């Protein structure tokens, strides 16, 4: 019995585990993206989603809050006070443009890859 258990263990240890190598379901590999109409629609939806995420709070911070129409209240956050007074530093969350750069990057991928996709219109 012990010999059979050792033999099975040895076979399992040295057997190929190719069945465990699966592509992730949550993301499409770059070489299989932008191939058909469905991929193009998903890519464009991601562009809009990343743009909405970039402007979720930052639209107010970058626009209205920096204008002369904004009046600070008594309980304004310190970060917002610095923004209104134009005391911008890199540690302020509203001065990070990373989310907007992600939206621009997604749009650039679409511009580069949509002409090569197999779509009808």
PDB file of N, CA and C in Angstrom:
ATOM      1  N   UNK A   1       0.829  -1.192   0.000  1.00  0.00           N
ATOM      2  CA  UNK A   1       0.000   0.000   0.000  1.00  0.00           C
ATOM      3  C   UNK A   1       0.870   1.252   0.000  1.00  0.00           C
ATOM      4  N   UNK A   2       1.951   1.181   0.767  1.00  0.00           N
ATOM      5  CA  UNK A   2       2.850   2.324   0.855  1.00  0.00           C
ATOM      6  C   UNK A   2       3.533   2.580  -0.487  1.00  0.00           C
ATOM      7  N   UNK A   3       3.865   1.508  -1.194  1.00  0.00           N
ATOM      8  CA  UNK A   3       4.515   1.634  -2.503  1.00  0.00           C
ATOM      9  C   UNK A   3       3.569   2.266  -3.529  1.00  0.00           C
ATOM     10  N   UNK A   4       2.305   1.898  -3.461  1.00  0.00           N
ATOM     11  CA  UNK A   4       1.323   2.467  -4.395  1.00  0.00           C
ATOM     12  C   UNK A   4       1.157   3.956  -4.124  1.00  0.00           C
ATOM     13  N   UNK A   5       1.099   4.334  -2.867  1.00  0.00           N
ATOM     14  CA  UNK A   5       0.969   5.736  -2.494  1.00  0.00           C
ATOM     15  C   UNK A   5       2.182   6.544  -2.951  1.00  0.00           C
ATOM     16  N   UNK A   6       3.369   5.980  -2.810  1.00  0.00           N
ATOM     17  CA  UNK A   6       4.590   6.645  -3.282  1.00  0.00           C
ATOM     18  C   UNK A   6       4.592   6.779  -4.796  1.00  0.00           C
ATOM     19  N   UNK A   7       4.142   5.742  -5.496  1.00  0.00           N
ATOM     20  CA  UNK A   7       4.106   5.783  -6.958  1.00  0.00           C
ATOM     21  C   UNK A   7       3.120   6.837  -7.447  1.00  0.00           C
ATOM     22  N   UNK A   8       1.947   6.906  -6.831  1.00  0.00           N
ATOM     23  CA  UNK A   8       0.941   7.901  -7.218  1.00  0.00           C
ATOM     24  C   UNK A   8       1.457   9.309  -6.932  1.00  0.00           C
ATOM     25  N   UNK A   9       2.093   9.489  -5.795  1.00  0.00           N
ATOM     26  CA  UNK A   9       2.656  10.789  -5.445  1.00  0.00           C
ATOM     27  C   UNK A   9       3.735  11.199  -6.432  1.00  0.00           C
ATOM     28  N   UNK A  10       4.596  10.272  -6.829  1.00  0.00           N
ATOM     29  CA  UNK A  10       5.664  10.578  -7.786  1.00  0.00           C
ATOM     30  C   UNK A  10       5.081  10.943  -9.144  1.00  0.00           C
ATOM     31  N   UNK A  11       4.062  10.217  -9.566  1.00  0.00           N
ATOM     32  CA  UNK A  11       3.438  10.519 -10.857  1.00  0.00           C
ATOM     33  C   UNK A  11       2.788  11.891 -10.826  1.00  0.00           C
ATOM     34  N   UNK A  12       2.099  12.209  -9.751  1.00  0.00           N
ATOM     35  CA  UNK A  12       1.442  13.508  -9.660  1.00  0.00           C
ATOM     36  C   UNK A  12       2.447  14.656  -9.576  1.00  0.00           C
ATOM     37  N   UNK A  13       3.561  14.432  -8.934  1.00  0.00           N
ATOM     38  CA  UNK A  13       4.565  15.488  -8.806  1.00  0.00           C
ATOM     39  C   UNK A  13       5.220  15.812 -10.139  1.00  0.00           C
ATOM     40  N   UNK A  14       5.452  14.804 -10.947  1.00  0.00           N
ATOM     41  CA  UNK A  14       6.165  15.018 -12.203  1.00  0.00           C
ATOM     42  C   UNK A  14       5.246  15.095 -13.413  1.00  0.00           C
ATOM     43  N   UNK A  15       3.964  14.978 -13.194  1.00  0.00           N
ATOM     44  CA  UNK A  15       3.010  15.067 -14.297  1.00  0.00           C
ATOM     45  C   UNK A  15       2.863  16.517 -14.739  1.00  0.00           C
ATOM     46  N   UNK A  16       2.504  16.697 -15.966  1.00  0.00           N
ATOM     47  CA  UNK A  16       2.299  18.032 -16.507  1.00  0.00           C
ATOM     48  C   UNK A  16       1.026  18.636 -15.925  1.00  0.00           C
ATOM     49  N   UNK A  17       1.094  19.910 -15.596  1.00  0.00           N
ATOM     50  CA  UNK A  17      -0.064  20.608 -15.026  1.00  0.00           C
ATOM     51  C   UNK A  17      -0.594  21.653 -16.002  1.00  0.00           C
ATOM     52  N   UNK A  18      -0.610  21.328 -17.275  1.00  0.00           N
ATOM     53  CA  UNK A  18      -1.082  22.279 -18.281  1.00  0.00           C
ATOM     54  C   UNK A  18      -2.551  22.629 -18.094  1.00  0.00           C
ATOM     55  N   UNK A  19      -3.312  21.748 -17.516  1.00  0.00           N
ATOM     56  CA  UNK A  19      -4.737  22.014 -17.323  1.00  0.00           C
ATOM     57  C   UNK A  19      -4.961  23.120 -16.299  1.00  0.00           C
ATOM     58  N   UNK A  20      -3.930  23.457 -15.538  1.00  0.00           N
ATOM     59  CA  UNK A  20      -4.059  24.535 -14.559  1.00  0.00           C
ATOM     60  C   UNK A  20      -3.760  25.904 -15.150  1.00  0.00           C
ATOM     61  N   UNK A  21      -3.178  25.961 -16.324  1.00  0.00           N
ATOM     62  CA  UNK A  21      -2.812  27.230 -16.953  1.00  0.00           C
ATOM     63  C   UNK A  21      -3.979  27.744 -17.791  1.00  0.00           C
ATOM     64  N   UNK A  22      -4.822  28.545 -17.165  1.00  0.00           N
ATOM     65  CA  UNK A  22      -5.993  29.090 -17.832  1.00  0.00           C
ATOM     66  C   UNK A  22      -5.835  30.590 -18.017  1.00  0.00           C
ATOM     67  N   UNK A  23      -6.430  31.112 -19.066  1.00  0.00           N
ATOM     68  CA  UNK A  23      -6.443  32.555 -19.267  1.00  0.00           C
ATOM     69  C   UNK A  23      -7.400  33.183 -18.270  1.00  0.00           C
ATOM     70  N   UNK A  24      -7.060  34.354 -17.771  1.00  0.00           N
ATOM     71  CA  UNK A  24      -7.961  35.005 -16.814  1.00  0.00           C
ATOM     72  C   UNK A  24      -9.261  35.430 -17.487  1.00  0.00           C
ATOM     73  N   UNK A  25     -10.349  35.270 -16.766  1.00  0.00           N
ATOM     74  CA  UNK A  25     -11.662  35.624 -17.305  1.00  0.00           C
ATOM     75  C   UNK A  25     -11.881  37.137 -17.204  1.00  0.00           C
ATOM     76  N   UNK A  26     -11.276  37.765 -16.217  1.00  0.00           N
ATOM     77  CA  UNK A  26     -11.549  39.173 -15.954  1.00  0.00           C
ATOM     78  C   UNK A  26     -10.866  40.122 -16.927  1.00  0.00           C
ATOM     79  N   UNK A  27      -9.913  39.652 -17.694  1.00  0.00           N
ATOM     80  CA  UNK A  27      -9.240  40.532 -18.637  1.00  0.00           C
ATOM     81  C   UNK A  27      -8.934  39.788 -19.928  1.00  0.00           C
ATOM     82  N   UNK A  28      -8.853  40.530 -20.996  1.00  0.00           N
ATOM     83  CA  UNK A  28      -8.562  39.963 -22.303  1.00  0.00           C
ATOM     84  C   UNK A  28      -7.097  40.237 -22.609  1.00  0.00           C
ATOM     85  N   UNK A  29      -6.339  39.219 -23.001  1.00  0.00           N
ATOM     86  CA  UNK A  29      -4.933  39.459 -23.352  1.00  0.00           C
ATOM     87  C   UNK A  29      -4.825  40.443 -24.510  1.00  0.00           C
ATOM     88  N   UNK A  30      -3.750  41.195 -24.554  1.00  0.00           N
ATOM     89  CA  UNK A  30      -3.584  42.254 -25.557  1.00  0.00           C
ATOM     90  C   UNK A  30      -3.628  41.713 -26.985  1.00  0.00           C
ATOM     91  N   UNK A  31      -3.120  40.511 -27.195  1.00  0.00           N
ATOM     92  CA  UNK A  31      -3.096  39.986 -28.565  1.00  0.00           C
ATOM     93  C   UNK A  31      -4.466  39.504 -29.035  1.00  0.00           C
ATOM     94  N   UNK A  32      -5.462  39.425 -28.129  1.00  0.00           N
ATOM     95  CA  UNK A  32      -6.800  39.015 -28.545  1.00  0.00           C
ATOM     96  C   UNK A  32      -7.831  40.126 -28.406  1.00  0.00           C
ATOM     97  N   UNK A  33      -7.395  41.316 -28.030  1.00  0.00           N
ATOM     98  CA  UNK A  33      -8.308  42.451 -27.900  1.00  0.00           C
ATOM     99  C   UNK A  33      -8.382  43.190 -29.225  1.00  0.00           C
ATOM    100  N   UNK A  34      -9.431  43.939 -29.430  1.00  0.00           N
ATOM    101  CA  UNK A  34      -9.656  44.756 -30.624  1.00  0.00           C
ATOM    102  C   UNK A  34      -9.717  43.894 -31.891  1.00  0.00           C
ATOM    103  N   UNK A  35     -10.368  42.727 -31.800  1.00  0.00           N
ATOM    104  CA  UNK A  35     -10.479  41.844 -32.956  1.00  0.00           C
ATOM    105  C   UNK A  35     -11.828  41.961 -33.665  1.00  0.00           C
ATOM    106  N   UNK A  36     -12.905  42.210 -32.902  1.00  0.00           N
ATOM    107  CA  UNK A  36     -14.236  42.230 -33.503  1.00  0.00           C
ATOM    108  C   UNK A  36     -15.077  43.353 -32.891  1.00  0.00           C
ATOM    109  N   UNK A  37     -16.328  43.435 -33.312  1.00  0.00           N
ATOM    110  CA  UNK A  37     -17.225  44.510 -32.867  1.00  0.00           C
ATOM    111  C   UNK A  37     -17.437  44.483 -31.355  1.00  0.00           C
ATOM    112  N   UNK A  38     -17.528  43.295 -30.787  1.00  0.00           N
ATOM    113  CA  UNK A  38     -17.735  43.179 -29.337  1.00  0.00           C
ATOM    114  C   UNK A  38     -16.538  43.748 -28.567  1.00  0.00           C
ATOM    115  N   UNK A  39     -15.328  43.459 -29.024  1.00  0.00           N
ATOM    116  CA  UNK A  39     -14.124  43.995 -28.374  1.00  0.00           C
ATOM    117  C   UNK A  39     -14.068  45.514 -28.489  1.00  0.00           C
ATOM    118  N   UNK A  40     -14.436  46.027 -29.640  1.00  0.00           N
ATOM    119  CA  UNK A  40     -14.435  47.478 -29.852  1.00  0.00           C
ATOM    120  C   UNK A  40     -15.447  48.148 -28.923  1.00  0.00           C
ATOM    121  N   UNK A  41     -16.649  47.572 -28.813  1.00  0.00           N
ATOM    122  CA  UNK A  41     -17.666  48.135 -27.919  1.00  0.00           C
ATOM    123  C   UNK A  41     -17.188  48.108 -26.467  1.00  0.00           C
ATOM    124  N   UNK A  42     -16.534  47.025 -26.063  1.00  0.00           N
ATOM    125  CA  UNK A  42     -16.022  46.930 -24.690  1.00  0.00           C
ATOM    126  C   UNK A  42     -14.915  47.962 -24.460  1.00  0.00           C
ATOM    127  N   UNK A  43     -14.057  48.159 -25.447  1.00  0.00           N
ATOM    128  CA  UNK A  43     -12.987  49.150 -25.315  1.00  0.00           C
ATOM    129  C   UNK A  43     -13.522  50.565 -25.214  1.00  0.00           C
ATOM    130  N   UNK A  44     -14.524  50.881 -26.010  1.00  0.00           N
ATOM    131  CA  UNK A  44     -15.123  52.219 -25.963  1.00  0.00           C
ATOM    132  C   UNK A  44     -15.856  52.428 -24.642  1.00  0.00           C
ATOM    133  N   UNK A  45     -16.511  51.392 -24.143  1.00  0.00           N
ATOM    134  CA  UNK A  45     -17.172  51.497 -22.831  1.00  0.00           C
ATOM    135  C   UNK A  45     -16.141  51.762 -21.731  1.00  0.00           C
ATOM    136  N   UNK A  46     -14.977  51.142 -21.838  1.00  0.00           N
ATOM    137  CA  UNK A  46     -13.919  51.379 -20.847  1.00  0.00           C
ATOM    138  C   UNK A  46     -13.387  52.808 -20.939  1.00  0.00           C
ATOM    139  N   UNK A  47     -13.324  53.363 -22.134  1.00  0.00           N
ATOM    140  CA  UNK A  47     -12.892  54.759 -22.284  1.00  0.00           C
ATOM    141  C   UNK A  47     -13.860  55.680 -21.544  1.00  0.00           C
ATOM    142  N   UNK A  48     -15.147  55.495 -21.764  1.00  0.00           N
ATOM    143  CA  UNK A  48     -16.138  56.327 -21.089  1.00  0.00           C
ATOM    144  C   UNK A  48     -16.103  56.118 -19.571  1.00  0.00           C
ATOM    145  N   UNK A  49     -15.946  54.874 -19.136  1.00  0.00           N
ATOM    146  CA  UNK A  49     -15.911  54.592 -17.695  1.00  0.00           C
ATOM    147  C   UNK A  49     -14.695  55.237 -17.039  1.00  0.00           C
ATOM    148  N   UNK A  50     -13.540  55.153 -17.680  1.00  0.00           N
ATOM    149  CA  UNK A  50     -12.339  55.754 -17.084  1.00  0.00           C
ATOM    150  C   UNK A  50     -12.431  57.282 -17.098  1.00  0.00           C
ATOM    151  N   UNK A  51     -13.081  57.850 -18.106  1.00  0.00           N
ATOM    152  CA  UNK A  51     -13.251  59.303 -18.139  1.00  0.00           C
ATOM    153  C   UNK A  51     -14.214  59.770 -17.049  1.00  0.00           C
ATOM    154  N   UNK A  52     -15.319  59.028 -16.857  1.00  0.00           N
ATOM    155  CA  UNK A  52     -16.250  59.361 -15.776  1.00  0.00           C
ATOM    156  C   UNK A  52     -15.574  59.256 -14.419  1.00  0.00           C
ATOM    157  N   UNK A  53     -14.754  58.236 -14.242  1.00  0.00           N
ATOM    158  CA  UNK A  53     -14.043  58.066 -12.974  1.00  0.00           C
ATOM    159  C   UNK A  53     -13.050  59.205 -12.741  1.00  0.00           C
ATOM    160  N   UNK A  54     -12.394  59.647 -13.805  1.00  0.00           N
ATOM    161  CA  UNK A  54     -11.422  60.742 -13.677  1.00  0.00           C
ATOM    162  C   UNK A  54     -12.108  62.040 -13.271  1.00  0.00           C
ATOM    163  N   UNK A  55     -13.305  62.255 -13.768  1.00  0.00           N
ATOM    164  CA  UNK A  55     -13.993  63.513 -13.497  1.00  0.00           C
ATOM    165  C   UNK A  55     -14.984  63.439 -12.340  1.00  0.00           C
ATOM    166  N   UNK A  56     -15.044  62.312 -11.662  1.00  0.00           N
ATOM    167  CA  UNK A  56     -16.011  62.133 -10.593  1.00  0.00           C
ATOM    168  C   UNK A  56     -15.921  63.248  -9.557  1.00  0.00           C
ATOM    169  N   UNK A  57     -14.789  63.440  -8.951  1.00  0.00           N
ATOM    170  CA  UNK A  57     -14.569  64.536  -8.008  1.00  0.00           C
ATOM    171  C   UNK A  57     -13.776  65.663  -8.649  1.00  0.00           C
ATOM    172  N   UNK A  58     -12.879  65.300  -9.521  1.00  0.00           N
ATOM    173  CA  UNK A  58     -11.942  66.283 -10.061  1.00  0.00           C
ATOM    174  C   UNK A  58     -12.604  67.338 -10.930  1.00  0.00           C
ATOM    175  N   UNK A  59     -13.763  67.045 -11.506  1.00  0.00           N
ATOM    176  CA  UNK A  59     -14.467  68.052 -12.300  1.00  0.00           C
ATOM    177  C   UNK A  59     -14.749  69.277 -11.444  1.00  0.00           C
ATOM    178  N   UNK A  60     -15.222  69.039 -10.234  1.00  0.00           N
ATOM    179  CA  UNK A  60     -15.510  70.141  -9.323  1.00  0.00           C
ATOM    180  C   UNK A  60     -14.215  70.799  -8.844  1.00  0.00           C
ATOM    181  N   UNK A  61     -13.209  69.979  -8.517  1.00  0.00           N
ATOM    182  CA  UNK A  61     -11.937  70.523  -8.026  1.00  0.00           C
ATOM    183  C   UNK A  61     -11.226  71.344  -9.097  1.00  0.00           C
ATOM    184  N   UNK A  62     -11.189  70.831 -10.326  1.00  0.00           N
ATOM    185  CA  UNK A  62     -10.443  71.493 -11.394  1.00  0.00           C
ATOM    186  C   UNK A  62     -11.219  72.651 -12.016  1.00  0.00           C
ATOM    187  N   UNK A  63     -12.518  72.663 -11.855  1.00  0.00           N
ATOM    188  CA  UNK A  63     -13.341  73.682 -12.484  1.00  0.00           C
ATOM    189  C   UNK A  63     -13.932  74.679 -11.519  1.00  0.00           C
ATOM    190  N   UNK A  64     -15.076  74.331 -10.967  1.00  0.00           N
ATOM    191  CA  UNK A  64     -15.827  75.262 -10.137  1.00  0.00           C
ATOM    192  C   UNK A  64     -15.057  75.744  -8.912  1.00  0.00           C
ATOM    193  N   UNK A  65     -14.347  74.858  -8.271  1.00  0.00           N
ATOM    194  CA  UNK A  65     -13.665  75.234  -7.042  1.00  0.00           C
ATOM    195  C   UNK A  65     -12.529  76.232  -7.295  1.00  0.00           C
ATOM    196  N   UNK A  66     -11.977  76.236  -8.479  1.00  0.00           N
ATOM    197  CA  UNK A  66     -10.876  77.144  -8.796  1.00  0.00           C
ATOM    198  C   UNK A  66     -11.377  78.463  -9.387  1.00  0.00           C
ATOM    199  N   UNK A  67     -12.678  78.569  -9.581  1.00  0.00           N
ATOM    200  CA  UNK A  67     -13.219  79.794 -10.184  1.00  0.00           C
ATOM    201  C   UNK A  67     -13.471  80.849  -9.111  1.00  0.00           C
ATOM    202  N   UNK A  68     -13.805  82.036  -9.558  1.00  0.00           N
ATOM    203  CA  UNK A  68     -14.087  83.113  -8.606  1.00  0.00           C
ATOM    204  C   UNK A  68     -15.513  83.024  -8.050  1.00  0.00           C
ATOM    205  N   UNK A  69     -16.296  82.063  -8.522  1.00  0.00           N
ATOM    206  CA  UNK A  69     -17.665  81.895  -8.036  1.00  0.00           C
ATOM    207  C   UNK A  69     -17.742  81.065  -6.763  1.00  0.00           C
ATOM    208  N   UNK A  70     -16.659  80.395  -6.398  1.00  0.00           N
ATOM    209  CA  UNK A  70     -16.675  79.501  -5.244  1.00  0.00           C
ATOM    210  C   UNK A  70     -16.439  80.298  -3.964  1.00  0.00           C
ATOM    211  N   UNK A  71     -17.291  80.072  -2.981  1.00  0.00           N
ATOM    212  CA  UNK A  71     -17.165  80.730  -1.680  1.00  0.00           C
ATOM    213  C   UNK A  71     -16.889  79.642  -0.650  1.00  0.00           C
ATOM    214  N   UNK A  72     -15.784  79.774   0.073  1.00  0.00           N
ATOM    215  CA  UNK A  72     -15.428  78.771   1.070  1.00  0.00           C
ATOM    216  C   UNK A  72     -16.339  78.882   2.282  1.00  0.00           C
ATOM    217  N   UNK A  73     -16.767  77.743   2.771  1.00  0.00           N
ATOM    218  CA  UNK A  73     -17.584  77.690   3.980  1.00  0.00           C
ATOM    219  C   UNK A  73     -16.669  77.616   5.199  1.00  0.00           C
ATOM    220  N   UNK A  74     -17.244  77.700   6.333  1.00  0.00           N
ATOM    221  CA  UNK A  74     -16.475  77.661   7.571  1.00  0.00           C
ATOM    222  C   UNK A  74     -15.792  76.312   7.761  1.00  0.00           C
ATOM    223  N   UNK A  75     -16.444  75.223   7.344  1.00  0.00           N
ATOM    224  CA  UNK A  75     -15.913  73.879   7.565  1.00  0.00           C
ATOM    225  C   UNK A  75     -15.292  73.278   6.300  1.00  0.00           C
ATOM    226  N   UNK A  76     -14.626  74.086   5.521  1.00  0.00           N
ATOM    227  CA  UNK A  76     -13.968  73.606   4.312  1.00  0.00           C
ATOM    228  C   UNK A  76     -12.728  72.799   4.701  1.00  0.00           C
ATOM    229  N   UNK A  77     -12.510  71.684   4.016  1.00  0.00           N
ATOM    230  CA  UNK A  77     -11.340  70.851   4.281  1.00  0.00           C
ATOM    231  C   UNK A  77     -10.062  71.620   3.978  1.00  0.00           C
ATOM    232  N   UNK A  78      -8.987  71.251   4.658  1.00  0.00           N
ATOM    233  CA  UNK A  78      -7.701  71.923   4.464  1.00  0.00           C
ATOM    234  C   UNK A  78      -7.206  71.760   3.025  1.00  0.00           C
ATOM    235  N   UNK A  79      -7.434  70.590   2.456  1.00  0.00           N
ATOM    236  CA  UNK A  79      -7.003  70.355   1.069  1.00  0.00           C
ATOM    237  C   UNK A  79      -7.750  71.275   0.112  1.00  0.00           C
ATOM    238  N   UNK A  80      -9.034  71.475   0.350  1.00  0.00           N
ATOM    239  CA  UNK A  80      -9.832  72.346  -0.506  1.00  0.00           C
ATOM    240  C   UNK A  80      -9.416  73.810  -0.331  1.00  0.00           C
ATOM    241  N   UNK A  81      -9.072  74.181   0.878  1.00  0.00           N
ATOM    242  CA  UNK A  81      -8.605  75.544   1.126  1.00  0.00           C
ATOM    243  C   UNK A  81      -7.318  75.812   0.361  1.00  0.00           C
ATOM    244  N   UNK A  82      -6.407  74.841   0.367  1.00  0.00           N
ATOM    245  CA  UNK A  82      -5.157  74.996  -0.382  1.00  0.00           C
ATOM    246  C   UNK A  82      -5.437  75.114  -1.881  1.00  0.00           C
ATOM    247  N   UNK A  83      -6.402  74.352  -2.355  1.00  0.00           N
ATOM    248  CA  UNK A  83      -6.750  74.389  -3.774  1.00  0.00           C
ATOM    249  C   UNK A  83      -7.319  75.745  -4.168  1.00  0.00           C
ATOM    250  N   UNK A  84      -8.220  76.266  -3.357  1.00  0.00           N
ATOM    251  CA  UNK A  84      -8.837  77.563  -3.646  1.00  0.00           C
ATOM    252  C   UNK A  84      -7.803  78.683  -3.578  1.00  0.00           C
ATOM    253  N   UNK A  85      -6.893  78.595  -2.638  1.00  0.00           N
ATOM    254  CA  UNK A  85      -5.855  79.617  -2.489  1.00  0.00           C
ATOM    255  C   UNK A  85      -4.661  79.408  -3.413  1.00  0.00           C
ATOM    256  N   UNK A  86      -4.770  78.436  -4.313  1.00  0.00           N
ATOM    257  CA  UNK A  86      -3.732  78.128  -5.297  1.00  0.00           C
ATOM    258  C   UNK A  86      -2.401  77.762  -4.635  1.00  0.00           C
ATOM    259  N   UNK A  87      -2.481  77.024  -3.546  1.00  0.00           N
ATOM    260  CA  UNK A  87      -1.297  76.514  -2.863  1.00  0.00           C
ATOM    261  C   UNK A  87      -1.159  75.028  -3.188  1.00  0.00           C
ATOM    262  N   UNK A  88      -0.958  74.731  -4.459  1.00  0.00           N
ATOM    263  CA  UNK A  88      -0.954  73.356  -4.937  1.00  0.00           C
ATOM    264  C   UNK A  88       0.388  72.688  -4.653  1.00  0.00           C
ATOM    265  N   UNK A  89       0.321  71.464  -4.182  1.00  0.00           N
ATOM    266  CA  UNK A  89       1.497  70.631  -3.979  1.00  0.00           C
ATOM    267  C   UNK A  89       1.201  69.238  -4.524  1.00  0.00           C
ATOM    268  N   UNK A  90       2.235  68.427  -4.653  1.00  0.00           N
ATOM    269  CA  UNK A  90       2.042  67.090  -5.213  1.00  0.00           C
ATOM    270  C   UNK A  90       1.306  66.148  -4.274  1.00  0.00           C
ATOM    271  N   UNK A  91       1.259  66.446  -2.987  1.00  0.00           N
ATOM    272  CA  UNK A  91       0.606  65.541  -2.055  1.00  0.00           C
ATOM    273  C   UNK A  91      -0.910  65.708  -2.002  1.00  0.00           C
ATOM    274  N   UNK A  92      -1.459  66.696  -2.658  1.00  0.00           N
ATOM    275  CA  UNK A  92      -2.920  66.870  -2.706  1.00  0.00           C
ATOM    276  C   UNK A  92      -3.513  65.845  -3.674  1.00  0.00           C
ATOM    277  N   UNK A  93      -4.588  65.203  -3.267  1.00  0.00           N
ATOM    278  CA  UNK A  93      -5.191  64.187  -4.134  1.00  0.00           C
ATOM    279  C   UNK A  93      -5.782  64.786  -5.404  1.00  0.00           C
ATOM    280  N   UNK A  94      -6.240  66.028  -5.327  1.00  0.00           N
ATOM    281  CA  UNK A  94      -6.861  66.650  -6.493  1.00  0.00           C
ATOM    282  C   UNK A  94      -5.833  67.130  -7.517  1.00  0.00           C
ATOM    283  N   UNK A  95      -4.545  67.066  -7.199  1.00  0.00           N
ATOM    284  CA  UNK A  95      -3.533  67.467  -8.179  1.00  0.00           C
ATOM    285  C   UNK A  95      -2.980  66.275  -8.953  1.00  0.00           C
ATOM    286  N   UNK A  96      -3.486  65.086  -8.684  1.00  0.00           N
ATOM    287  CA  UNK A  96      -3.050  63.905  -9.418  1.00  0.00           C
ATOM    288  C   UNK A  96      -3.855  63.782 -10.711  1.00  0.00           C
ATOM    289  N   UNK A  97      -3.154  63.704 -11.798  1.00  0.00           N
ATOM    290  CA  UNK A  97      -3.777  63.585 -13.107  1.00  0.00           C
ATOM    291  C   UNK A  97      -3.747  62.147 -13.623  1.00  0.00           C
ATOM    292  N   UNK A  98      -3.396  61.191 -12.765  1.00  0.00           N
ATOM    293  CA  UNK A  98      -3.217  59.800 -13.198  1.00  0.00           C
ATOM    294  C   UNK A  98      -4.492  59.225 -13.807  1.00  0.00           C
ATOM    295  N   UNK A  99      -5.647  59.500 -13.212  1.00  0.00           N
ATOM    296  CA  UNK A  99      -6.894  58.947 -13.740  1.00  0.00           C
ATOM    297  C   UNK A  99      -7.239  59.529 -15.114  1.00  0.00           C
ATOM    298  N   UNK A 100      -6.911  60.795 -15.320  1.00  0.00           N
ATOM    299  CA  UNK A 100      -7.154  61.395 -16.632  1.00  0.00           C
ATOM    300  C   UNK A 100      -6.175  60.850 -17.676  1.00  0.00           C
ATOM    301  N   UNK A 101      -4.934  60.620 -17.265  1.00  0.00           N
ATOM    302  CA  UNK A 101      -3.962  60.009 -18.180  1.00  0.00           C
ATOM    303  C   UNK A 101      -4.374  58.592 -18.564  1.00  0.00           C
ATOM    304  N   UNK A 102      -5.032  57.871 -17.647  1.00  0.00           N
ATOM    305  CA  UNK A 102      -5.517  56.528 -17.968  1.00  0.00           C
ATOM    306  C   UNK A 102      -6.600  56.602 -19.037  1.00  0.00           C
ATOM    307  N   UNK A 103      -7.500  57.564 -18.913  1.00  0.00           N
ATOM    308  CA  UNK A 103      -8.549  57.737 -19.923  1.00  0.00           C
ATOM    309  C   UNK A 103      -7.948  58.079 -21.281  1.00  0.00           C
ATOM    310  N   UNK A 104      -6.938  58.944 -21.292  1.00  0.00           N
ATOM    311  CA  UNK A 104      -6.270  59.309 -22.541  1.00  0.00           C
ATOM    312  C   UNK A 104      -5.548  58.100 -23.136  1.00  0.00           C
ATOM    313  N   UNK A 105      -4.917  57.305 -22.291  1.00  0.00           N
ATOM    314  CA  UNK A 105      -4.236  56.099 -22.763  1.00  0.00           C
ATOM    315  C   UNK A 105      -5.223  55.118 -23.382  1.00  0.00           C
ATOM    316  N   UNK A 106      -6.380  54.937 -22.734  1.00  0.00           N
ATOM    317  CA  UNK A 106      -7.410  54.051 -23.301  1.00  0.00           C
ATOM    318  C   UNK A 106      -7.885  54.562 -24.661  1.00  0.00           C
ATOM    319  N   UNK A 107      -8.054  55.864 -24.795  1.00  0.00           N
ATOM    320  CA  UNK A 107      -8.465  56.431 -26.084  1.00  0.00           C
ATOM    321  C   UNK A 107      -7.383  56.222 -27.141  1.00  0.00           C
ATOM    322  N   UNK A 108      -6.126  56.348 -26.757  1.00  0.00           N
ATOM    323  CA  UNK A 108      -5.029  56.121 -27.709  1.00  0.00           C
ATOM    324  C   UNK A 108      -4.975  54.672 -28.175  1.00  0.00           C
ATOM    325  N   UNK A 109      -5.242  53.716 -27.258  1.00  0.00           N
ATOM    326  CA  UNK A 109      -5.301  52.312 -27.668  1.00  0.00           C
ATOM    327  C   UNK A 109      -6.418  52.088 -28.676  1.00  0.00           C
ATOM    328  N   UNK A 110      -7.557  52.728 -28.462  1.00  0.00           N
ATOM    329  CA  UNK A 110      -8.677  52.589 -29.392  1.00  0.00           C
ATOM    330  C   UNK A 110      -8.326  53.172 -30.759  1.00  0.00           C
ATOM    331  N   UNK A 111      -7.723  54.354 -30.768  1.00  0.00           N
ATOM    332  CA  UNK A 111      -7.351  54.993 -32.034  1.00  0.00           C
ATOM    333  C   UNK A 111      -6.364  54.130 -32.810  1.00  0.00           C
ATOM    334  N   UNK A 112      -5.438  53.500 -32.099  1.00  0.00           N
ATOM    335  CA  UNK A 112      -4.422  52.678 -32.762  1.00  0.00           C
ATOM    336  C   UNK A 112      -4.966  51.345 -33.256  1.00  0.00           C
ATOM    337  N   UNK A 113      -5.962  50.784 -32.566  1.00  0.00           N
ATOM    338  CA  UNK A 113      -6.360  49.403 -32.866  1.00  0.00           C
ATOM    339  C   UNK A 113      -7.701  49.235 -33.568  1.00  0.00           C
ATOM    340  N   UNK A 114      -8.591  50.205 -33.492  1.00  0.00           N
ATOM    341  CA  UNK A 114      -9.905  50.043 -34.134  1.00  0.00           C
ATOM    342  C   UNK A 114      -9.800  49.918 -35.650  1.00  0.00           C
ATOM    343  N   UNK A 115      -8.918  50.651 -36.341  1.00  0.00           N
ATOM    344  CA  UNK A 115      -8.856  50.471 -37.795  1.00  0.00           C
ATOM    345  C   UNK A 115      -8.501  49.056 -38.225  1.00  0.00           C
ATOM    346  N   UNK A 116      -7.818  48.277 -37.383  1.00  0.00           N
ATOM    347  CA  UNK A 116      -7.431  46.909 -37.734  1.00  0.00           C
ATOM    348  C   UNK A 116      -8.454  45.858 -37.304  1.00  0.00           C
ATOM    349  N   UNK A 117      -9.517  46.276 -36.619  1.00  0.00           N
ATOM    350  CA  UNK A 117     -10.515  45.330 -36.128  1.00  0.00           C
ATOM    351  C   UNK A 117     -11.441  44.897 -37.250  1.00  0.00           C
ATOM    352  N   UNK A 118     -11.990  43.719 -37.112  1.00  0.00           N
ATOM    353  CA  UNK A 118     -12.932  43.171 -38.090  1.00  0.00           C
ATOM    354  C   UNK A 118     -14.342  43.607 -37.702  1.00  0.00           C
ATOM    355  N   UNK A 119     -14.720  44.816 -38.135  1.00  0.00           N
ATOM    356  CA  UNK A 119     -16.043  45.339 -37.824  1.00  0.00           C
ATOM    357  C   UNK A 119     -16.752  45.712 -39.120  1.00  0.00           C
ATOM    358  N   UNK A 120     -18.067  45.779 -39.028  1.00  0.00           N
ATOM    359  CA  UNK A 120     -18.865  46.005 -40.245  1.00  0.00           C
ATOM    360  C   UNK A 120     -18.984  47.469 -40.619  1.00  0.00           C
ATOM    361  N   UNK A 121     -18.991  48.365 -39.617  1.00  0.00           N
ATOM    362  CA  UNK A 121     -19.126  49.785 -39.941  1.00  0.00           C
ATOM    363  C   UNK A 121     -18.199  50.630 -39.092  1.00  0.00           C
TER     364      UNK A 121
END
